[in-house]
C-alpha atoms as a PDB file:
ATOM      1  CA  MET A   1      20.548  18.762 -21.664  1.00  0.00           C
ATOM      2  CA  LYS A   2      19.829  22.174 -23.128  1.00  0.00           C
ATOM      3  CA  ILE A   3      20.629  25.267 -21.021  1.00  0.00           C
ATOM      4  CA  TYR A   4      17.004  26.482 -20.756  1.00  0.00           C
ATOM      5  CA  LYS A   5      15.937  23.039 -19.460  1.00  0.00           C
ATOM      6  CA  ARG A   6      18.700  23.042 -16.895  1.00  0.00           C
ATOM      7  CA  TYR A   7      17.778  26.526 -15.832  1.00  0.00           C
ATOM      8  CA  LEU A   8      14.044  25.786 -15.408  1.00  0.00           C
ATOM      9  CA  LEU A   9      14.569  22.465 -13.648  1.00  0.00           C
ATOM     10  CA  ALA A  10      17.068  24.050 -11.224  1.00  0.00           C
ATOM     11  CA  ASP A  11      14.467  26.665 -10.349  1.00  0.00           C
ATOM     12  CA  LEU A  12      11.938  23.856  -9.905  1.00  0.00           C
ATOM     13  CA  ILE A  13      14.203  22.109  -7.415  1.00  0.00           C
ATOM     14  CA  LYS A  14      14.664  25.377  -5.491  1.00  0.00           C
ATOM     15  CA  ILE A  15      10.928  25.939  -5.288  1.00  0.00           C
ATOM     16  CA  ASN A  16      10.390  22.333  -4.110  1.00  0.00           C
ATOM     17  CA  LEU A  17      13.030  22.706  -1.412  1.00  0.00           C
ATOM     18  CA  LEU A  18      11.525  26.034  -0.316  1.00  0.00           C
ATOM     19  CA  LEU A  19       8.048  24.432  -0.042  1.00  0.00           C
ATOM     20  CA  LEU A  20       9.399  21.452   1.823  1.00  0.00           C
ATOM     21  CA  PHE A  21      11.173  23.774   4.304  1.00  0.00           C
ATOM     22  CA  ILE A  22       7.990  25.761   4.874  1.00  0.00           C
ATOM     23  CA  PHE A  23       5.793  22.639   5.386  1.00  0.00           C
ATOM     24  CA  SER A  24       8.526  21.045   7.626  1.00  0.00           C
ATOM     25  CA  SER A  25       8.800  24.177   9.797  1.00  0.00           C
ATOM     26  CA  PHE A  26       5.035  24.253  10.291  1.00  0.00           C
ATOM     27  CA  TYR A  27       4.747  20.596  11.225  1.00  0.00           C
ATOM     28  CA  PHE A  28       7.879  20.924  13.433  1.00  0.00           C
ATOM     29  CA  LEU A  29       6.347  23.767  15.418  1.00  0.00           C
ATOM     30  CA  VAL A  30       3.020  21.924  15.810  1.00  0.00           C
ATOM     31  CA  ASP A  31       4.702  18.721  17.073  1.00  0.00           C
ATOM     32  CA  PHE A  32       7.120  20.587  19.330  1.00  0.00           C
ATOM     33  CA  PHE A  33       4.564  22.560  21.255  1.00  0.00           C
ATOM     34  CA  ASP A  34       1.927  19.851  21.139  1.00  0.00           C
ATOM     35  CA  LYS A  35       4.171  17.277  22.892  1.00  0.00           C
ATOM     36  CA  LEU A  36       6.382  19.500  24.982  1.00  0.00           C
ATOM     37  CA  GLY A  37       4.046  19.782  28.003  1.00  0.00           C
ATOM     38  CA  GLU A  38       3.399  16.063  28.100  1.00  0.00           C
ATOM     39  CA  PHE A  39       7.119  15.295  27.764  1.00  0.00           C
ATOM     40  CA  LEU A  40       8.078  17.572  30.679  1.00  0.00           C
ATOM     41  CA  ALA A  41       5.684  15.539  32.929  1.00  0.00           C
ATOM     42  CA  PHE A  42       7.876  12.425  32.371  1.00  0.00           C
ATOM     43  CA  LYS A  43      11.044  14.232  33.609  1.00  0.00           C
ATOM     44  CA  LYS A  44      13.313  12.620  31.053  1.00  0.00           C
ATOM     45  CA  PRO A  45      16.509  14.100  29.446  1.00  0.00           C
ATOM     46  CA  PHE A  46      15.678  16.738  26.886  1.00  0.00           C
ATOM     47  CA  TYR A  47      17.718  15.010  24.180  1.00  0.00           C
ATOM     48  CA  LEU A  48      15.113  12.263  24.097  1.00  0.00           C
ATOM     49  CA  PHE A  49      12.496  14.827  23.145  1.00  0.00           C
ATOM     50  CA  LEU A  50      14.793  16.204  20.371  1.00  0.00           C
ATOM     51  CA  THR A  51      15.306  12.670  19.182  1.00  0.00           C
ATOM     52  CA  TYR A  52      11.587  12.086  19.013  1.00  0.00           C
ATOM     53  CA  ILE A  53      11.035  15.446  17.170  1.00  0.00           C
ATOM     54  CA  PHE A  54      13.814  14.495  14.659  1.00  0.00           C
ATOM     55  CA  TRP A  55      12.190  11.168  13.726  1.00  0.00           C
ATOM     56  CA  LYS A  56       8.687  12.632  13.784  1.00  0.00           C
ATOM     57  CA  SER A  57       9.781  15.325  11.356  1.00  0.00           C
ATOM     58  CA  LEU A  58      11.140  12.805   8.922  1.00  0.00           C
ATOM     59  CA  ALA A  59       7.877  10.762   9.208  1.00  0.00           C
ATOM     60  CA  ASN A  60       5.900  13.959   8.547  1.00  0.00           C
ATOM     61  CA  LEU A  61       7.879  14.534   5.345  1.00  0.00           C
ATOM     62  CA  TYR A  62       6.195  11.479   3.897  1.00  0.00           C
ATOM     63  CA  GLU A  63       2.826  12.905   4.712  1.00  0.00           C
ATOM     64  CA  PHE A  64       3.147  16.251   2.984  1.00  0.00           C
ATOM     65  CA  PHE A  65       5.745  15.659   0.251  1.00  0.00           C
ATOM     66  CA  PRO A  66       3.313  14.849  -2.556  1.00  0.00           C
ATOM     67  CA  PHE A  67       1.175  17.943  -1.769  1.00  0.00           C
ATOM     68  CA  ALA A  68       4.172  20.317  -1.640  1.00  0.00           C
ATOM     69  CA  CYS A  69       5.760  18.853  -4.740  1.00  0.00           C
ATOM     70  CA  GLY A  70       2.423  18.984  -6.570  1.00  0.00           C
ATOM     71  CA  LEU A  71       2.147  22.639  -5.733  1.00  0.00           C
ATOM     72  CA  SER A  72       5.616  23.496  -7.030  1.00  0.00           C
ATOM     73  CA  GLY A  73       4.656  23.828 -10.724  1.00  0.00           C
ATOM     74  CA  ILE A  74       2.219  26.694 -10.378  1.00  0.00           C
ATOM     75  CA  ILE A  75       4.392  28.387  -7.718  1.00  0.00           C
ATOM     76  CA  LEU A  76       7.341  28.193 -10.117  1.00  0.00           C
ATOM     77  CA  PHE A  77       5.451  29.770 -13.058  1.00  0.00           C
ATOM     78  CA  LEU A  78       4.020  32.443 -10.756  1.00  0.00           C
ATOM     79  CA  TRP A  79       7.572  33.269  -9.808  1.00  0.00           C
ATOM     80  CA  LEU A  80       8.604  33.332 -13.463  1.00  0.00           C
ATOM     81  CA  THR A  81       5.733  35.770 -14.258  1.00  0.00           C
ATOM     82  CA  ARG A  82       6.857  38.118 -11.415  1.00  0.00           C
ATOM     83  CA  THR A  83      10.423  38.191 -12.775  1.00  0.00           C
ATOM     84  CA  GLY A  84       9.296  38.499 -16.445  1.00  0.00           C
ATOM     85  CA  GLU A  85      11.100  35.306 -17.361  1.00  0.00           C
ATOM     86  CA  LEU A  86       7.938  33.456 -18.516  1.00  0.00           C
ATOM     87  CA  LEU A  87       7.152  36.278 -20.917  1.00  0.00           C
ATOM     88  CA  GLY A  88      10.772  36.203 -22.061  1.00  0.00           C
ATOM     89  CA  PHE A  89      10.546  32.414 -22.842  1.00  0.00           C
ATOM     90  CA  LEU A  90       7.357  32.924 -24.811  1.00  0.00           C
ATOM     91  CA  SER A  91       8.867  35.892 -26.711  1.00  0.00           C
ATOM     92  CA  LEU A  92      11.823  33.676 -27.753  1.00  0.00           C
ATOM     93  CA  GLY A  93       9.420  31.177 -29.389  1.00  0.00           C
ATOM     94  CA  PHE A  94       9.026  28.542 -26.665  1.00  0.00           C
ATOM     95  CA  SER A  95       5.434  27.209 -26.726  1.00  0.00           C
ATOM     96  CA  LYS A  96       3.358  27.034 -23.613  1.00  0.00           C
ATOM     97  CA  LYS A  97       2.924  23.308 -24.182  1.00  0.00           C
ATOM     98  CA  GLU A  98       6.726  22.797 -24.231  1.00  0.00           C
ATOM     99  CA  LEU A  99       7.217  24.596 -20.984  1.00  0.00           C
ATOM    100  CA  ILE A 100       4.273  22.801 -19.228  1.00  0.00           C
ATOM    101  CA  THR A 101       5.560  19.411 -20.390  1.00  0.00           C
ATOM    102  CA  LEU A 102       9.106  20.139 -19.194  1.00  0.00           C
ATOM    103  CA  ILE A 103       7.933  21.198 -15.715  1.00  0.00           C
ATOM    104  CA  GLY A 104       5.553  18.245 -15.532  1.00  0.00           C
ATOM    105  CA  LYS A 105       8.448  15.888 -16.285  1.00  0.00           C
ATOM    106  CA  GLY A 106      10.604  17.750 -13.762  1.00  0.00           C
ATOM    107  CA  ILE A 107       7.905  17.275 -11.063  1.00  0.00           C
ATOM    108  CA  PHE A 108       7.750  13.526 -11.849  1.00  0.00           C
ATOM    109  CA  LEU A 109      11.532  13.156 -11.821  1.00  0.00           C
ATOM    110  CA  PHE A 110      11.854  14.966  -8.529  1.00  0.00           C
ATOM    111  CA  SER A 111       9.026  12.857  -7.119  1.00  0.00           C
ATOM    112  CA  LEU A 112      10.556   9.673  -8.447  1.00  0.00           C
ATOM    113  CA  LEU A 113      14.016  10.324  -6.849  1.00  0.00           C
ATOM    114  CA  LEU A 114      13.123  12.049  -3.594  1.00  0.00           C
ATOM    115  CA  GLY A 115       9.678  10.361  -3.158  1.00  0.00           C
ATOM    116  CA  SER A 116      11.251   6.967  -3.485  1.00  0.00           C
ATOM    117  CA  ALA A 117      13.916   7.783  -0.867  1.00  0.00           C
ATOM    118  CA  ILE A 118      11.250   9.156   1.445  1.00  0.00           C
ATOM    119  CA  SER A 119       9.141   6.016   0.980  1.00  0.00           C
ATOM    120  CA  ILE A 120      12.074   3.854   2.002  1.00  0.00           C
ATOM    121  CA  LEU A 121      12.944   6.063   4.985  1.00  0.00           C
ATOM    122  CA  PHE A 122       9.380   6.534   6.217  1.00  0.00           C
ATOM    123  CA  PRO A 123       8.746   3.198   7.926  1.00  0.00           C
ATOM    124  CA  LYS A 124      11.997   3.502   9.892  1.00  0.00           C
ATOM    125  CA  ALA A 125      11.306   7.145  10.840  1.00  0.00           C
ATOM    126  CA  ALA A 126       7.732   6.271  11.898  1.00  0.00           C
ATOM    127  CA  PHE A 127       8.970   3.309  13.935  1.00  0.00           C
ATOM    128  CA  PHE A 128      11.694   5.285  15.804  1.00  0.00           C
ATOM    129  CA  SER A 129       9.346   8.250  16.474  1.00  0.00           C
ATOM    130  CA  LEU A 130       6.832   5.838  18.102  1.00  0.00           C
ATOM    131  CA  TYR A 131       9.567   3.833  19.788  1.00  0.00           C
ATOM    132  CA  THR A 132      11.253   6.890  21.261  1.00  0.00           C
ATOM    133  CA  TRP A 133       8.017   8.181  22.674  1.00  0.00           C
ATOM    134  CA  ASP A 134       6.363   4.926  23.818  1.00  0.00           C
ATOM    135  CA  TYR A 135       9.433   2.997  24.959  1.00  0.00           C
ATOM    136  CA  ARG A 136      12.138   5.469  25.990  1.00  0.00           C
ATOM    137  CA  ILE A 137       9.982   8.452  27.184  1.00  0.00           C
ATOM    138  CA  ALA A 138       6.657   7.001  28.304  1.00  0.00           C
ATOM    139  CA  GLU A 139       8.099   3.527  29.119  1.00  0.00           C
ATOM    140  CA  LYS A 140       5.009   1.588  28.016  1.00  0.00           C
ATOM    141  CA  ARG A 141       7.045  -1.578  27.381  1.00  0.00           C
ATOM    142  CA  GLU A 142       9.171  -3.275  30.033  1.00  0.00           C
ATOM    143  CA  GLN A 143      11.470  -6.284  29.787  1.00  0.00           C
ATOM    144  CA  TYR A 144      11.414  -6.286  25.993  1.00  0.00           C
ATOM    145  CA  LEU A 145      14.430  -7.094  23.829  1.00  0.00           C
ATOM    146  CA  VAL A 146      14.991  -7.594  20.127  1.00  0.00           C
ATOM    147  CA  PHE A 147      17.987  -9.614  18.919  1.00  0.00           C
ATOM    148  CA  ASN A 148      18.669 -11.164  15.532  1.00  0.00           C
ATOM    149  CA  GLU A 149      14.970 -10.862  14.476  1.00  0.00           C
ATOM    150  CA  GLN A 150      13.800 -12.613  17.667  1.00  0.00           C
ATOM    151  CA  ILE A 151      11.880 -11.002  20.478  1.00  0.00           C
ATOM    152  CA  PHE A 152      12.538 -11.711  24.125  1.00  0.00           C
ATOM    153  CA  ILE A 153       9.714 -10.738  26.536  1.00  0.00           C
ATOM    154  CA  ARG A 154       9.273 -11.061  30.226  1.00  0.00           C
ATOM    155  CA  GLY A 155       5.587 -10.879  31.286  1.00  0.00           C
ATOM    156  CA  PRO A 156       3.957 -11.056  34.736  1.00  0.00           C
ATOM    157  CA  ASP A 157       3.841 -14.908  34.627  1.00  0.00           C
ATOM    158  CA  PHE A 158       5.788 -15.964  31.543  1.00  0.00           C
ATOM    159  CA  TYR A 159       8.941 -15.662  29.460  1.00  0.00           C
ATOM    160  CA  LEU A 160       8.712 -15.726  25.673  1.00  0.00           C
ATOM    161  CA  ILE A 161      11.231 -16.085  22.859  1.00  0.00           C
ATOM    162  CA  ALA A 162       9.957 -16.083  19.311  1.00  0.00           C
ATOM    163  CA  LYS A 163      10.521 -14.760  15.766  1.00  0.00           C
ATOM    164  CA  PRO A 164       7.709 -12.564  14.410  1.00  0.00           C
ATOM    165  CA  LEU A 165       6.807 -13.320  10.810  1.00  0.00           C
ATOM    166  CA  GLU A 166       4.469 -10.271  10.352  1.00  0.00           C
ATOM    167  CA  PRO A 167       4.301  -6.841  11.975  1.00  0.00           C
ATOM    168  CA  ARG A 168       1.301  -7.208  14.235  1.00  0.00           C
ATOM    169  CA  GLY A 169       2.591 -10.060  16.378  1.00  0.00           C
ATOM    170  CA  GLU A 170      -0.130 -12.512  15.160  1.00  0.00           C
ATOM    171  CA  TYR A 171       2.222 -14.971  13.383  1.00  0.00           C
ATOM    172  CA  LEU A 172       5.308 -16.332  15.113  1.00  0.00           C
ATOM    173  CA  GLN A 173       7.984 -18.876  14.462  1.00  0.00           C
ATOM    174  CA  ASP A 174      10.451 -20.807  16.755  1.00  0.00           C
ATOM    175  CA  ILE A 175       8.321 -20.222  19.830  1.00  0.00           C
ATOM    176  CA  LEU A 176       9.523 -20.949  23.394  1.00  0.00           C
ATOM    177  CA  LEU A 177       7.070 -20.136  26.190  1.00  0.00           C
ATOM    178  CA  VAL A 178       7.972 -20.574  29.863  1.00  0.00           C
ATOM    179  CA  PHE A 179       5.186 -20.091  32.391  1.00  0.00           C
ATOM    180  CA  ILE A 180       6.098 -19.331  35.999  1.00  0.00           C
ATOM    181  CA  ASN A 181       4.404 -18.707  39.403  1.00  0.00           C
ATOM    182  CA  LYS A 182       6.499 -16.755  41.823  1.00  0.00           C
ATOM    183  CA  GLU A 183       9.569 -17.644  39.852  1.00  0.00           C
ATOM    184  CA  GLU A 184       8.744 -21.355  40.043  1.00  0.00           C
ATOM    185  CA  LEU A 185       8.587 -23.189  36.708  1.00  0.00           C
ATOM    186  CA  LYS A 186       5.073 -24.446  35.874  1.00  0.00           C
ATOM    187  CA  LYS A 187       4.943 -25.167  32.156  1.00  0.00           C
ATOM    188  CA  ILE A 188       7.002 -25.075  28.965  1.00  0.00           C
ATOM    189  CA  ILE A 189       5.742 -24.942  25.428  1.00  0.00           C
ATOM    190  CA  TRP A 190       7.873 -25.338  22.283  1.00  0.00           C
ATOM    191  CA  ALA A 191       6.300 -24.806  18.843  1.00  0.00           C
ATOM    192  CA  LYS A 192       7.675 -24.515  15.388  1.00  0.00           C
ATOM    193  CA  GLU A 193       5.132 -21.778  14.491  1.00  0.00           C
ATOM    194  CA  GLY A 194       1.854 -20.303  15.696  1.00  0.00           C
ATOM    195  CA  PHE A 195      -0.778 -17.790  14.647  1.00  0.00           C
ATOM    196  CA  TYR A 196      -3.473 -15.890  16.442  1.00  0.00           C
ATOM    197  CA  LYS A 197      -7.079 -16.088  15.237  1.00  0.00           C
ATOM    198  CA  SER A 198     -10.435 -15.561  16.980  1.00  0.00           C
ATOM    199  CA  GLU A 199      -8.783 -14.971  20.379  1.00  0.00           C
ATOM    200  CA  LYS A 200      -6.941 -18.304  20.231  1.00  0.00           C
ATOM    201  CA  TRP A 201      -3.398 -19.360  19.447  1.00  0.00           C
ATOM    202  CA  PHE A 202      -3.008 -22.206  16.915  1.00  0.00           C
ATOM    203  CA  LEU A 203       0.374 -23.871  17.333  1.00  0.00           C
ATOM    204  CA  LYS A 204       2.080 -26.368  14.973  1.00  0.00           C
ATOM    205  CA  GLU A 205       4.594 -29.144  15.870  1.00  0.00           C
ATOM    206  CA  VAL A 206       4.263 -28.553  19.569  1.00  0.00           C
ATOM    207  CA  ILE A 207       6.064 -30.018  22.589  1.00  0.00           C
ATOM    208  CA  THR A 208       4.673 -29.310  26.091  1.00  0.00           C
ATOM    209  CA  GLN A 209       5.986 -30.044  29.563  1.00  0.00           C
ATOM    210  CA  GLU A 210       4.067 -29.393  32.772  1.00  0.00           C
ATOM    211  CA  GLU A 211       4.935 -29.529  36.434  1.00  0.00           C
ATOM    212  CA  ASN A 212       1.914 -31.663  37.427  1.00  0.00           C
ATOM    213  CA  LYS A 213       3.100 -34.223  34.836  1.00  0.00           C
ATOM    214  CA  ASN A 214       6.675 -34.241  36.073  1.00  0.00           C
ATOM    215  CA  PHE A 215       7.663 -32.310  32.972  1.00  0.00           C
ATOM    216  CA  SER A 216       7.283 -35.329  30.802  1.00  0.00           C
ATOM    217  CA  PRO A 217       7.196 -34.143  27.169  1.00  0.00           C
ATOM    218  CA  GLU A 218       3.949 -34.406  25.189  1.00  0.00           C
ATOM    219  CA  PHE A 219       3.955 -34.064  21.407  1.00  0.00           C
ATOM    220  CA  PHE A 220       1.210 -32.538  19.313  1.00  0.00           C
ATOM    221  CA  LYS A 221       1.067 -31.907  15.562  1.00  0.00           C
ATOM    222  CA  ASN A 222      -1.478 -29.080  16.080  1.00  0.00           C
ATOM    223  CA  LEU A 223      -2.642 -27.479  19.296  1.00  0.00           C
ATOM    224  CA  SER A 224      -5.124 -24.639  19.853  1.00  0.00           C
ATOM    225  CA  THR A 225      -5.061 -22.946  23.208  1.00  0.00           C
ATOM    226  CA  ASN A 226      -6.285 -19.776  25.042  1.00  0.00           C
ATOM    227  CA  LEU A 227      -3.001 -18.254  26.164  1.00  0.00           C
ATOM    228  CA  SER A 228      -2.928 -15.118  28.251  1.00  0.00           C
ATOM    229  CA  ILE A 229      -0.519 -13.631  25.738  1.00  0.00           C
ATOM    230  CA  LYS A 230      -2.141 -11.248  23.150  1.00  0.00           C
ATOM    231  CA  PRO A 231      -0.546 -10.084  19.951  1.00  0.00           C
ATOM    232  CA  GLU A 232      -0.355  -6.493  21.195  1.00  0.00           C
ATOM    233  CA  THR A 233       1.855  -7.749  24.045  1.00  0.00           C
ATOM    234  CA  LEU A 234       4.364  -8.942  21.433  1.00  0.00           C
ATOM    235  CA  VAL A 235       4.644  -5.662  19.638  1.00  0.00           C
ATOM    236  CA  MET A 236       7.080  -3.176  21.053  1.00  0.00           C
ATOM    237  CA  VAL A 237       5.637  -0.313  18.993  1.00  0.00           C
ATOM    238  CA  GLU A 238       2.115  -0.507  17.678  1.00  0.00           C
ATOM    239  CA  LYS A 239       2.187   0.980  14.187  1.00  0.00           C
ATOM    240  CA  PRO A 240      -0.837   1.947  12.104  1.00  0.00           C
ATOM    241  CA  LEU A 241      -0.996   0.188   8.723  1.00  0.00           C
ATOM    242  CA  LYS A 242       0.098   3.291   6.871  1.00  0.00           C
ATOM    243  CA  PHE A 243       3.325   3.254   8.895  1.00  0.00           C
ATOM    244  CA  LEU A 244       4.298  -0.226   7.577  1.00  0.00           C
ATOM    245  CA  SER A 245       6.743  -0.719   4.749  1.00  0.00           C
ATOM    246  CA  LEU A 246       5.723  -2.472   1.570  1.00  0.00           C
ATOM    247  CA  LYS A 247       7.486  -5.585   2.749  1.00  0.00           C
ATOM    248  CA  GLU A 248       5.682  -5.572   6.063  1.00  0.00           C
ATOM    249  CA  LEU A 249       2.297  -4.938   4.405  1.00  0.00           C
ATOM    250  CA  PHE A 250       2.878  -7.832   1.943  1.00  0.00           C
ATOM    251  CA  GLU A 251       3.901 -10.202   4.841  1.00  0.00           C
ATOM    252  CA  ARG A 252       0.708  -9.215   6.710  1.00  0.00           C
ATOM    253  CA  TYR A 253      -1.354  -9.712   3.561  1.00  0.00           C
ATOM    254  CA  LYS A 254       0.057 -13.246   3.061  1.00  0.00           C
ATOM    255  CA  PHE A 255      -0.652 -14.058   6.760  1.00  0.00           C
ATOM    256  CA  LEU A 256      -4.252 -12.800   6.656  1.00  0.00           C
ATOM    257  CA  LYS A 257      -4.861 -14.676   3.430  1.00  0.00           C
ATOM    258  CA  MET A 258      -3.483 -17.871   5.006  1.00  0.00           C
ATOM    259  CA  VAL A 259      -5.758 -17.636   8.054  1.00  0.00           C
ATOM    260  CA  LYS A 260      -8.723 -16.531   5.836  1.00  0.00           C
ATOM    261  CA  ARG A 261      -9.198 -13.154   7.441  1.00  0.00           C
ATOM    262  CA  PRO A 262     -10.103  -9.895   5.677  1.00  0.00           C
ATOM    263  CA  TYR A 263      -7.139  -8.111   4.096  1.00  0.00           C
ATOM    264  CA  LYS A 264      -8.815  -5.233   2.287  1.00  0.00           C
ATOM    265  CA  GLU A 265      -7.089  -2.570   4.363  1.00  0.00           C
ATOM    266  CA  GLU A 266      -3.613  -4.128   3.673  1.00  0.00           C
ATOM    267  CA  VAL A 267      -4.344  -4.238  -0.153  1.00  0.00           C
ATOM    268  CA  ALA A 268      -5.494  -0.591   0.004  1.00  0.00           C
ATOM    269  CA  GLU A 269      -2.252   0.456   1.753  1.00  0.00           C
ATOM    270  CA  ILE A 270      -0.131  -1.447  -0.761  1.00  0.00           C
ATOM    271  CA  PHE A 271      -1.899   0.333  -3.613  1.00  0.00           C
ATOM    272  CA  LEU A 272      -1.490   3.784  -2.016  1.00  0.00           C
ATOM    273  CA  LYS A 273       2.286   3.159  -1.491  1.00  0.00           C
ATOM    274  CA  VAL A 274       2.699   2.056  -5.130  1.00  0.00           C
ATOM    275  CA  ILE A 275       1.082   5.190  -6.562  1.00  0.00           C
ATOM    276  CA  TYR A 276       2.784   7.479  -4.058  1.00  0.00           C
ATOM    277  CA  ILE A 277       5.462   8.736  -6.380  1.00  0.00           C
ATOM    278  CA  PHE A 278       2.806   9.558  -9.086  1.00  0.00           C
ATOM    279  CA  LEU A 279       0.711  11.775  -6.762  1.00  0.00           C
ATOM    280  CA  PRO A 280       2.743  15.032  -7.244  1.00  0.00           C
ATOM    281  CA  LEU A 281       2.277  14.779 -11.025  1.00  0.00           C
ATOM    282  CA  PHE A 282      -1.392  14.013 -10.603  1.00  0.00           C
ATOM    283  CA  LEU A 283      -1.904  17.039  -8.266  1.00  0.00           C
ATOM    284  CA  GLY A 284       0.409  19.374 -10.080  1.00  0.00           C
ATOM    285  CA  PHE A 285       0.254  18.817 -13.872  1.00  0.00           C
ATOM    286  CA  PHE A 286      -3.283  19.957 -14.658  1.00  0.00           C
ATOM    287  CA  PRO A 287      -3.295  23.041 -12.441  1.00  0.00           C
ATOM    288  CA  THR A 288       0.046  24.084 -13.986  1.00  0.00           C
ATOM    289  CA  MET A 289      -1.462  23.628 -17.433  1.00  0.00           C
ATOM    290  CA  VAL A 290      -4.531  25.696 -16.503  1.00  0.00           C
ATOM    291  CA  PHE A 291      -2.305  28.525 -15.173  1.00  0.00           C
ATOM    292  CA  VAL A 292       0.077  28.709 -18.148  1.00  0.00           C
ATOM    293  CA  LYS A 293      -2.618  28.177 -20.787  1.00  0.00           C
ATOM    294  CA  ASN A 294      -4.597  31.116 -19.395  1.00  0.00           C
ATOM    295  CA  TYR A 295      -1.615  33.292 -18.827  1.00  0.00           C
ATOM    296  CA  THR A 296      -1.210  36.606 -20.666  1.00  0.00           C
ATOM    297  CA  PRO A 297       1.080  39.521 -19.658  1.00  0.00           C
ATOM    298  CA  SER A 298      -1.984  41.374 -18.419  1.00  0.00           C
ATOM    299  CA  GLN A 299      -3.630  38.416 -16.693  1.00  0.00           C
ATOM    300  CA  VAL A 300      -1.510  36.692 -13.989  1.00  0.00           C
ATOM    301  CA  ILE A 301      -3.523  36.512 -10.792  1.00  0.00           C
ATOM    302  CA  THR A 302      -6.734  35.148 -12.355  1.00  0.00           C
ATOM    303  CA  PRO A 303      -4.992  32.265 -14.128  1.00  0.00           C
ATOM    304  CA  PHE A 304      -2.997  31.527 -11.007  1.00  0.00           C
ATOM    305  CA  LEU A 305      -6.166  31.346  -8.864  1.00  0.00           C
ATOM    306  CA  LYS A 306      -7.785  29.092 -11.476  1.00  0.00           C
ATOM    307  CA  GLY A 307      -4.785  26.733 -11.241  1.00  0.00           C
ATOM    308  CA  LEU A 308      -4.810  26.850  -7.488  1.00  0.00           C
ATOM    309  CA  ILE A 309      -8.539  26.039  -7.382  1.00  0.00           C
ATOM    310  CA  TRP A 310      -7.931  23.047  -9.617  1.00  0.00           C
ATOM    311  CA  TYR A 311      -5.066  21.928  -7.366  1.00  0.00           C
ATOM    312  CA  PHE A 312      -7.405  21.912  -4.359  1.00  0.00           C
ATOM    313  CA  VAL A 313     -10.160  20.152  -6.337  1.00  0.00           C
ATOM    314  CA  LEU A 314      -7.653  17.370  -7.242  1.00  0.00           C
ATOM    315  CA  LEU A 315      -6.278  17.253  -3.660  1.00  0.00           C
ATOM    316  CA  THR A 316      -9.816  16.925  -2.234  1.00  0.00           C
ATOM    317  CA  SER A 317     -10.622  14.249  -4.793  1.00  0.00           C
ATOM    318  CA  TYR A 318      -7.534  12.316  -3.891  1.00  0.00           C
ATOM    319  CA  LEU A 319      -8.158  12.507  -0.107  1.00  0.00           C
ATOM    320  CA  PHE A 320     -11.853  11.434  -0.672  1.00  0.00           C
ATOM    321  CA  LEU A 321     -10.865   8.479  -2.878  1.00  0.00           C
ATOM    322  CA  GLN A 322      -8.122   7.489  -0.449  1.00  0.00           C
ATOM    323  CA  THR A 323     -10.644   7.442   2.415  1.00  0.00           C
ATOM    324  CA  LEU A 324     -13.062   5.323   0.375  1.00  0.00           C
ATOM    325  CA  LEU A 325     -10.264   2.939  -0.603  1.00  0.00           C
ATOM    326  CA  ARG A 326      -9.199   2.456   3.028  1.00  0.00           C
ATOM    327  CA  LYS A 327     -12.755   1.583   3.858  1.00  0.00           C
ATOM    328  CA  GLY A 328     -12.602  -1.269   1.327  1.00  0.00           C
ATOM    329  CA  ILE A 329     -14.367   0.360  -1.606  1.00  0.00           C
ATOM    330  CA  PHE A 330     -12.021  -0.704  -4.405  1.00  0.00           C
ATOM    331  CA  VAL A 331     -13.857   1.178  -7.094  1.00  0.00           C
ATOM    332  CA  ALA A 332     -12.182   4.271  -5.614  1.00  0.00           C
ATOM    333  CA  GLY A 333      -8.805   2.723  -6.282  1.00  0.00           C
ATOM    334  CA  ILE A 334      -9.729   1.973  -9.944  1.00  0.00           C
ATOM    335  CA  LEU A 335     -10.926   5.556 -10.380  1.00  0.00           C
ATOM    336  CA  LEU A 336      -7.689   6.954  -8.686  1.00  0.00           C
ATOM    337  CA  SER A 337      -5.578   4.785 -10.913  1.00  0.00           C
ATOM    338  CA  PHE A 338      -7.372   6.098 -14.029  1.00  0.00           C
ATOM    339  CA  LEU A 339      -6.871   9.707 -12.979  1.00  0.00           C
ATOM    340  CA  VAL A 340      -3.218   9.188 -12.194  1.00  0.00           C
ATOM    341  CA  PHE A 341      -2.812   7.362 -15.507  1.00  0.00           C
ATOM    342  CA  ILE A 342      -4.347  10.275 -17.455  1.00  0.00           C
ATOM    343  CA  SER A 343      -2.104  12.833 -15.782  1.00  0.00           C
ATOM    344  CA  PHE A 344       1.027  10.726 -16.539  1.00  0.00           C
ATOM    345  CA  PHE A 345       0.203  10.175 -20.158  1.00  0.00           C
ATOM    346  CA  SER A 346      -0.897  13.797 -20.650  1.00  0.00           C
ATOM    347  CA  CYS A 347       2.605  14.839 -19.540  1.00  0.00           C
ATOM    348  CA  PHE A 348       4.691  12.324 -21.356  1.00  0.00           C
ATOM    349  CA  PHE A 349       2.670  12.013 -24.579  1.00  0.00           C
ATOM    350  CA  LYS A 350       1.857  15.563 -25.657  1.00  0.00           C
ATOM    351  CA  LYS A 351      -0.138  14.401 -28.673  1.00  0.00           C
ATOM    352  CA  ILE A 352      -3.117  13.426 -26.562  1.00  0.00           C
ATOM    353  CA  TRP A 353      -3.757  17.035 -25.603  1.00  0.00           C
END
């Protein structure tokens, strides 16, 4: 790699890290003071609060990373104008197009590497932030264990062992249900699998035993029943769809498709996670181009403000299209894909502009 490329990309990384630090500090302070009063009411050890803040901060990183990374291009060039380095590069014969393309590729590379890592880490961080608050601090779940992908739950009148096949607790495998009354055994249900639909549980390959039938086993190929157990009872931490990993989203999509229920929201979230690493380039490339194209030694602030305005126009457009997509309007996804596609090819294929 040429020295000038190494130099500019190193500065781009520094700007990105600085922006991430600024955004992280802001979110940290908001979360800290927003939850501190509520935490103190629970009278729990303070390390639990710090644990929650740690995981919440990592989860927040996923939320603002594309916006901070997208902003890094115009911030970098603004810095280079203040130090005179941008004028120096142009005086040495480097074209504006060459510099814009290099920074655009740098933004994408940084997004590809760090964005991918954040995407992988985010579901775990989101889970542990919710788990720490709901389970260890607020104690919203009692008698709940997870072992070797199986859940063990003790309810007011039942014991349950099962293996969840999707993240919302609506599709289970290897089910054992024991119903009790004042610790006296009343009924046992074994089932190979079961799913929840229209407020009923649909079980397959079922064996039941009841006290009033002397616990004689009864066999059913399929059995639908109104159990008192609801899917939300089976979920230790209730996570919004955007907190799910790609694997979890895909498993839920397959389940909803199997039981013929709407799955537009899941498809929308899968799409948004796929284009996540392209967002910084989409948000940052055109504003950077506007800034540098309009830059002259006597005109710095005006080109910068033009680039910044375009950044917020693209950011607003993305947030608007994202909202429409999550509401099931898939035309918004097509339009967003087209805009992301244009920004990518504008950066990597200079001939089209």
